[in-house]
Amino acid sequence: MAQTHLGTALVTGASSGIGALYAEKLAQRGYDLILVARHRERLNALASSISTRTGRAVEVLPADLGDRTALAQVEAKLSQDASITLLVNNAGIGTHTPLLQSDVEQMTRMVELNITAPMRLAYAAVPGFMARGQGAVINIASIVAVAPELLNGVYGGSKAFVLAFSQSLQKELAGTGVQVQAVLPGATATDFWAIGGLPVENLDPGIVMRTEDLVDAALLGFERGEKVSIPSLHDGGKWDTYEAARQAMAGHLSSNTVAQRYAVVH
């Protein structure tokens, strides 16, 4: 049984896959839990199992975060419950189907769940964290945030938002005691692939990480204070180089003169 109490973690998409393992691992570390997902029965079973094994208090909050009314209920919980010290924005959907073969209504639902929901939940949680001088947000993005060509463009674009939103918050919240981490998983052995119509068994096993390994690595990165964690990237220096180049370019992106390469030649 965990001995240290670290407050309460609210985890979205908690009924299976990455979210369920985050719930498990956070309870082991000393967090009470609020589990959010659509499937009440799965949440109840997970809550009972975690509570029995860890002794932590586990609350279930069934909600479809793609529905604004249900999302508002979770926002209210985040803004009103001062025991919450960690928000894990994990809920999301994806697809490997190319854009022109995808239904636009399905893509719109993806945007609502992958972009609107984590943005609104962060807005609900962060003011309280700042007022209390502590708290953290973990945003689950994807490697397609920086390699959007790999999968469907709406999915890649939605995860690019999650990364950019996290990086902006990191700068805005510096010195406030509020931590923000973006996690960029590669292919992971969850039902994400089967739901999208391509069971994980069809992928090269050399690129698919076990879910437990992913979550363990991401939480280690969180405890180390990493701003962006990419558990499947073996050469971390490649990210450091990429980020350094991006930061170096940032100061040169706006100017009152047109770049020479666009100058009109007479």
Protein backbone atom coordinates (compact mmCIF):
# COMPACT_ATOMS: atom_id res chain seq x y z
CA MET A 1 0.00 0.00 0.00
CA ALA A 2 1.31 3.41 -0.93
CA GLN A 3 2.39 5.51 2.02
CA THR A 4 2.69 8.97 0.48
CA HIS A 5 -0.39 10.97 -0.42
CA LEU A 6 0.15 13.15 -3.48
CA GLY A 7 -3.39 14.45 -3.85
CA THR A 8 -5.89 13.32 -6.47
CA ALA A 9 -5.21 12.59 -10.13
CA LEU A 10 -8.04 12.94 -12.63
CA VAL A 11 -7.38 10.63 -15.60
CA THR A 12 -9.44 10.78 -18.79
CA GLY A 13 -9.87 7.81 -21.08
CA ALA A 14 -9.21 5.73 -17.99
CA SER A 15 -11.22 2.59 -18.74
CA SER A 16 -8.57 0.84 -20.86
CA GLY A 17 -5.16 1.06 -22.47
CA ILE A 18 -2.82 3.89 -21.56
CA GLY A 19 -5.35 5.62 -19.29
CA ALA A 20 -6.02 2.51 -17.21
CA LEU A 21 -2.30 1.97 -16.70
CA TYR A 22 -1.78 5.61 -15.73
CA ALA A 23 -4.49 5.14 -13.10
CA GLU A 24 -2.82 2.01 -11.79
CA LYS A 25 0.67 3.49 -11.66
CA LEU A 26 -0.45 6.79 -10.13
CA ALA A 27 -2.35 4.99 -7.37
CA GLN A 28 0.78 2.97 -6.62
CA ARG A 29 2.74 6.23 -6.35
CA GLY A 30 0.30 7.72 -3.82
CA TYR A 31 -2.48 9.47 -5.71
CA ASP A 32 -6.18 9.10 -5.08
CA LEU A 33 -8.02 8.88 -8.39
CA ILE A 34 -10.94 10.25 -10.36
CA LEU A 35 -11.46 8.03 -13.39
CA VAL A 36 -13.22 9.50 -16.44
CA ALA A 37 -14.44 7.50 -19.45
CA ARG A 38 -17.65 6.59 -21.24
CA HIS A 39 -17.95 3.02 -19.96
CA ARG A 40 -19.30 2.98 -16.40
CA GLU A 41 -18.99 -0.79 -15.99
CA ARG A 42 -15.33 -0.82 -17.00
CA LEU A 43 -14.62 2.15 -14.74
CA ASN A 44 -16.32 0.50 -11.78
CA ALA A 45 -14.35 -2.72 -12.27
CA LEU A 46 -11.06 -0.83 -12.58
CA ALA A 47 -11.84 1.39 -9.59
CA SER A 48 -12.63 -1.61 -7.40
CA SER A 49 -9.47 -3.42 -8.48
CA ILE A 50 -7.17 -0.44 -7.91
CA SER A 51 -8.73 0.51 -4.59
CA THR A 52 -8.46 -3.05 -3.28
CA ARG A 53 -4.80 -3.40 -4.27
CA THR A 54 -3.54 0.07 -3.32
CA GLY A 55 -5.90 1.29 -0.60
CA ARG A 56 -6.41 4.54 -2.49
CA ALA A 57 -9.74 6.32 -2.82
CA VAL A 58 -11.01 5.94 -6.39
CA GLU A 59 -13.98 7.91 -7.72
CA VAL A 60 -15.71 7.10 -10.99
CA LEU A 61 -16.99 9.88 -13.25
CA PRO A 62 -18.59 8.43 -16.40
CA ALA A 63 -18.57 11.00 -19.22
CA ASP A 64 -18.31 11.18 -22.99
CA LEU A 65 -15.89 14.06 -23.42
CA GLY A 66 -17.09 14.57 -26.97
CA ASP A 67 -20.41 15.74 -25.51
CA ARG A 68 -20.27 19.34 -24.26
CA THR A 69 -22.73 18.72 -21.40
CA ALA A 70 -20.74 15.77 -20.09
CA LEU A 71 -17.48 17.66 -20.63
CA ALA A 72 -18.83 20.56 -18.56
CA GLN A 73 -19.42 18.19 -15.64
CA VAL A 74 -15.76 17.17 -15.67
CA GLU A 75 -14.70 20.80 -16.01
CA ALA A 76 -16.77 21.64 -12.93
CA LYS A 77 -15.11 18.84 -10.98
CA LEU A 78 -11.67 20.11 -11.90
CA SER A 79 -12.43 23.71 -11.03
CA GLN A 80 -14.20 22.95 -7.73
CA ASP A 81 -12.27 20.02 -6.20
CA ALA A 82 -9.17 21.46 -4.52
CA SER A 83 -7.83 17.97 -3.78
CA ILE A 84 -6.98 17.49 -7.47
CA THR A 85 -3.25 17.97 -8.06
CA LEU A 86 -2.83 16.23 -11.42
CA LEU A 87 -4.80 16.17 -14.67
CA VAL A 88 -3.95 13.45 -17.19
CA ASN A 89 -5.46 14.38 -20.56
CA ASN A 90 -5.37 10.95 -22.15
CA ALA A 91 -8.78 10.50 -23.82
CA GLY A 92 -8.62 10.61 -27.58
CA ILE A 93 -9.38 8.82 -30.81
CA GLY A 94 -7.41 8.35 -33.99
CA THR A 95 -7.42 6.71 -37.39
CA HIS A 96 -4.94 5.48 -39.96
CA THR A 97 -7.49 6.02 -42.79
CA PRO A 98 -6.38 8.74 -45.24
CA LEU A 99 -8.21 12.06 -45.09
CA LEU A 100 -10.12 11.72 -48.33
CA GLN A 101 -11.39 8.28 -47.32
CA SER A 102 -12.58 9.48 -43.90
CA ASP A 103 -16.00 10.79 -42.91
CA VAL A 104 -15.88 14.50 -42.12
CA GLU A 105 -18.30 14.11 -39.21
CA GLN A 106 -16.01 11.50 -37.68
CA MET A 107 -13.08 13.88 -38.17
CA THR A 108 -15.05 16.63 -36.43
CA ARG A 109 -15.71 14.34 -33.49
CA MET A 110 -11.99 13.62 -33.37
CA VAL A 111 -11.24 17.34 -33.13
CA GLU A 112 -13.79 17.73 -30.32
CA LEU A 113 -12.25 14.90 -28.29
CA ASN A 114 -8.56 15.35 -29.13
CA ILE A 115 -8.41 19.17 -29.06
CA THR A 116 -11.44 20.81 -27.48
CA ALA A 117 -11.71 18.46 -24.50
CA PRO A 118 -8.09 18.63 -23.25
CA MET A 119 -8.01 22.38 -23.86
CA ARG A 120 -11.16 22.99 -21.82
CA LEU A 121 -10.09 20.60 -19.06
CA ALA A 122 -6.75 22.40 -18.77
CA TYR A 123 -8.57 25.72 -18.56
CA ALA A 124 -10.69 24.28 -15.75
CA ALA A 125 -7.77 22.85 -13.76
CA VAL A 126 -4.87 25.27 -14.15
CA PRO A 127 -6.28 28.37 -12.39
CA GLY A 128 -6.75 26.34 -9.19
CA PHE A 129 -3.30 24.83 -9.52
CA MET A 130 -1.81 28.31 -9.87
CA ALA A 131 -3.76 29.64 -6.90
CA ARG A 132 -2.47 26.76 -4.77
CA GLY A 133 1.06 27.03 -6.15
CA GLN A 134 1.22 23.40 -7.21
CA GLY A 135 -0.27 20.96 -9.67
CA ALA A 136 0.49 19.31 -12.97
CA VAL A 137 -1.00 18.53 -16.37
CA ILE A 138 0.10 15.53 -18.43
CA ASN A 139 -1.07 15.78 -22.04
CA ILE A 140 -0.90 12.60 -24.11
CA ALA A 141 -0.02 13.61 -27.67
CA SER A 142 1.67 11.31 -30.21
CA ILE A 143 4.79 11.10 -32.35
CA VAL A 144 2.57 12.26 -35.23
CA ALA A 145 2.62 15.68 -33.54
CA VAL A 146 6.04 16.08 -35.17
CA ALA A 147 5.58 13.52 -37.98
CA PRO A 148 2.02 14.19 -39.20
CA GLU A 149 2.67 12.50 -42.55
CA LEU A 150 2.66 9.08 -40.86
CA LEU A 151 -1.12 8.89 -40.33
CA ASN A 152 -4.37 10.73 -41.06
CA GLY A 153 -3.88 14.49 -41.24
CA VAL A 154 -6.67 15.42 -38.84
CA TYR A 155 -5.26 13.04 -36.26
CA GLY A 156 -1.74 14.38 -36.77
CA GLY A 157 -3.02 17.95 -36.63
CA SER A 158 -4.93 17.28 -33.42
CA LYS A 159 -1.84 15.89 -31.73
CA ALA A 160 0.28 18.78 -33.02
CA PHE A 161 -2.18 21.02 -31.19
CA VAL A 162 -1.68 19.06 -27.98
CA LEU A 163 2.09 19.46 -28.24
CA ALA A 164 1.95 23.17 -29.12
CA PHE A 165 -0.61 23.83 -26.37
CA SER A 166 1.63 22.08 -23.86
CA GLN A 167 4.72 24.01 -24.91
CA SER A 168 2.91 27.33 -24.73
CA LEU A 169 1.57 26.49 -21.27
CA GLN A 170 5.05 25.53 -20.12
CA LYS A 171 6.31 29.00 -20.97
CA GLU A 172 3.26 30.75 -19.56
CA LEU A 173 3.32 28.82 -16.28
CA ALA A 174 7.06 28.95 -15.65
CA GLY A 175 7.74 29.79 -12.02
CA THR A 176 4.17 29.18 -10.86
CA GLY A 177 4.72 25.69 -9.41
CA VAL A 178 2.55 24.14 -12.14
CA GLN A 179 4.19 21.47 -14.30
CA VAL A 180 3.12 20.58 -17.83
CA GLN A 181 4.38 17.49 -19.65
CA ALA A 182 3.60 16.38 -23.20
CA VAL A 183 3.98 12.66 -23.88
CA LEU A 184 4.50 11.51 -27.47
CA PRO A 185 3.89 7.76 -27.75
CA GLY A 186 4.79 5.86 -30.86
CA ALA A 187 2.81 2.78 -31.87
CA THR A 188 1.58 1.20 -28.63
CA ALA A 189 -0.13 -2.13 -27.99
CA THR A 190 -3.62 -0.82 -27.21
CA ASP A 191 -7.05 -1.13 -28.83
CA PHE A 192 -6.41 2.18 -30.65
CA TRP A 193 -5.45 0.25 -33.77
CA ALA A 194 -8.34 -2.21 -33.72
CA ILE A 195 -10.86 0.61 -33.23
CA GLY A 196 -9.35 2.31 -36.28
CA GLY A 197 -9.74 -0.87 -38.34
CA LEU A 198 -6.11 -2.06 -38.27
CA PRO A 199 -5.46 -4.50 -35.38
CA VAL A 200 -2.04 -4.04 -33.81
CA GLU A 201 -1.10 -7.56 -34.91
CA ASN A 202 -0.81 -6.17 -38.46
CA LEU A 203 2.00 -3.82 -37.48
CA ASP A 204 5.71 -4.59 -37.45
CA PRO A 205 6.28 -5.80 -33.85
CA GLY A 206 9.59 -3.95 -33.90
CA ILE A 207 7.79 -0.59 -33.71
CA VAL A 208 5.08 -1.49 -31.16
CA MET A 209 5.76 -0.75 -27.49
CA ARG A 210 4.08 -2.48 -24.57
CA THR A 211 1.63 -0.11 -22.88
CA GLU A 212 3.17 -0.69 -19.45
CA ASP A 213 6.63 0.18 -20.75
CA LEU A 214 5.30 3.38 -22.29
CA VAL A 215 3.57 4.55 -19.12
CA ASP A 216 6.50 3.64 -16.86
CA ALA A 217 8.88 5.61 -19.08
CA ALA A 218 6.54 8.59 -19.40
CA LEU A 219 6.05 8.77 -15.64
CA LEU A 220 9.81 8.61 -15.11
CA GLY A 221 10.10 11.55 -17.50
CA PHE A 222 7.39 13.35 -15.54
CA GLU A 223 9.22 12.79 -12.26
CA ARG A 224 12.40 14.13 -13.86
CA GLY A 225 10.57 17.27 -14.96
CA GLU A 226 10.80 16.59 -18.69
CA LYS A 227 8.72 18.94 -20.78
CA VAL A 228 8.38 16.52 -23.69
CA SER A 229 8.78 12.77 -23.27
CA ILE A 230 9.19 10.41 -26.25
CA PRO A 231 9.73 6.94 -24.76
CA SER A 232 10.33 5.25 -28.13
CA LEU A 233 13.03 7.71 -29.31
CA HIS A 234 16.30 6.00 -28.39
CA ASP A 235 18.58 8.89 -29.34
CA GLY A 236 17.26 11.68 -27.15
CA GLY A 237 19.82 13.99 -28.67
CA LYS A 238 17.77 14.06 -31.87
CA TRP A 239 14.91 15.72 -30.01
CA ASP A 240 17.32 18.13 -28.31
CA THR A 241 18.74 19.11 -31.72
CA TYR A 242 15.26 19.48 -33.22
CA GLU A 243 14.07 21.63 -30.32
CA ALA A 244 17.22 23.76 -30.33
CA ALA A 245 16.78 24.43 -34.06
CA ARG A 246 13.13 25.36 -33.52
CA GLN A 247 14.00 27.74 -30.70
CA ALA A 248 16.84 29.29 -32.72
CA MET A 249 14.50 29.92 -35.65
CA ALA A 250 11.74 31.38 -33.43
CA GLY A 251 13.44 34.75 -33.08
CA HIS A 252 13.73 35.16 -36.83
CA LEU A 253 10.21 34.28 -37.96
CA SER A 254 8.73 37.78 -38.00
CA SER A 255 10.19 40.74 -39.85
CA ASN A 256 9.12 43.98 -41.52
CA THR A 257 10.97 43.02 -44.68
CA VAL A 258 10.42 40.18 -47.14
CA ALA A 259 13.06 37.45 -47.19
CA GLN A 260 15.52 37.81 -50.07
CA ARG A 261 14.38 34.55 -51.66
CA TYR A 262 10.98 36.14 -52.26
CA ALA A 263 12.34 39.36 -53.71
CA VAL A 264 10.93 40.19 -57.13
CA VAL A 265 13.60 40.02 -59.82
CA HIS A 266 13.17 42.67 -62.55
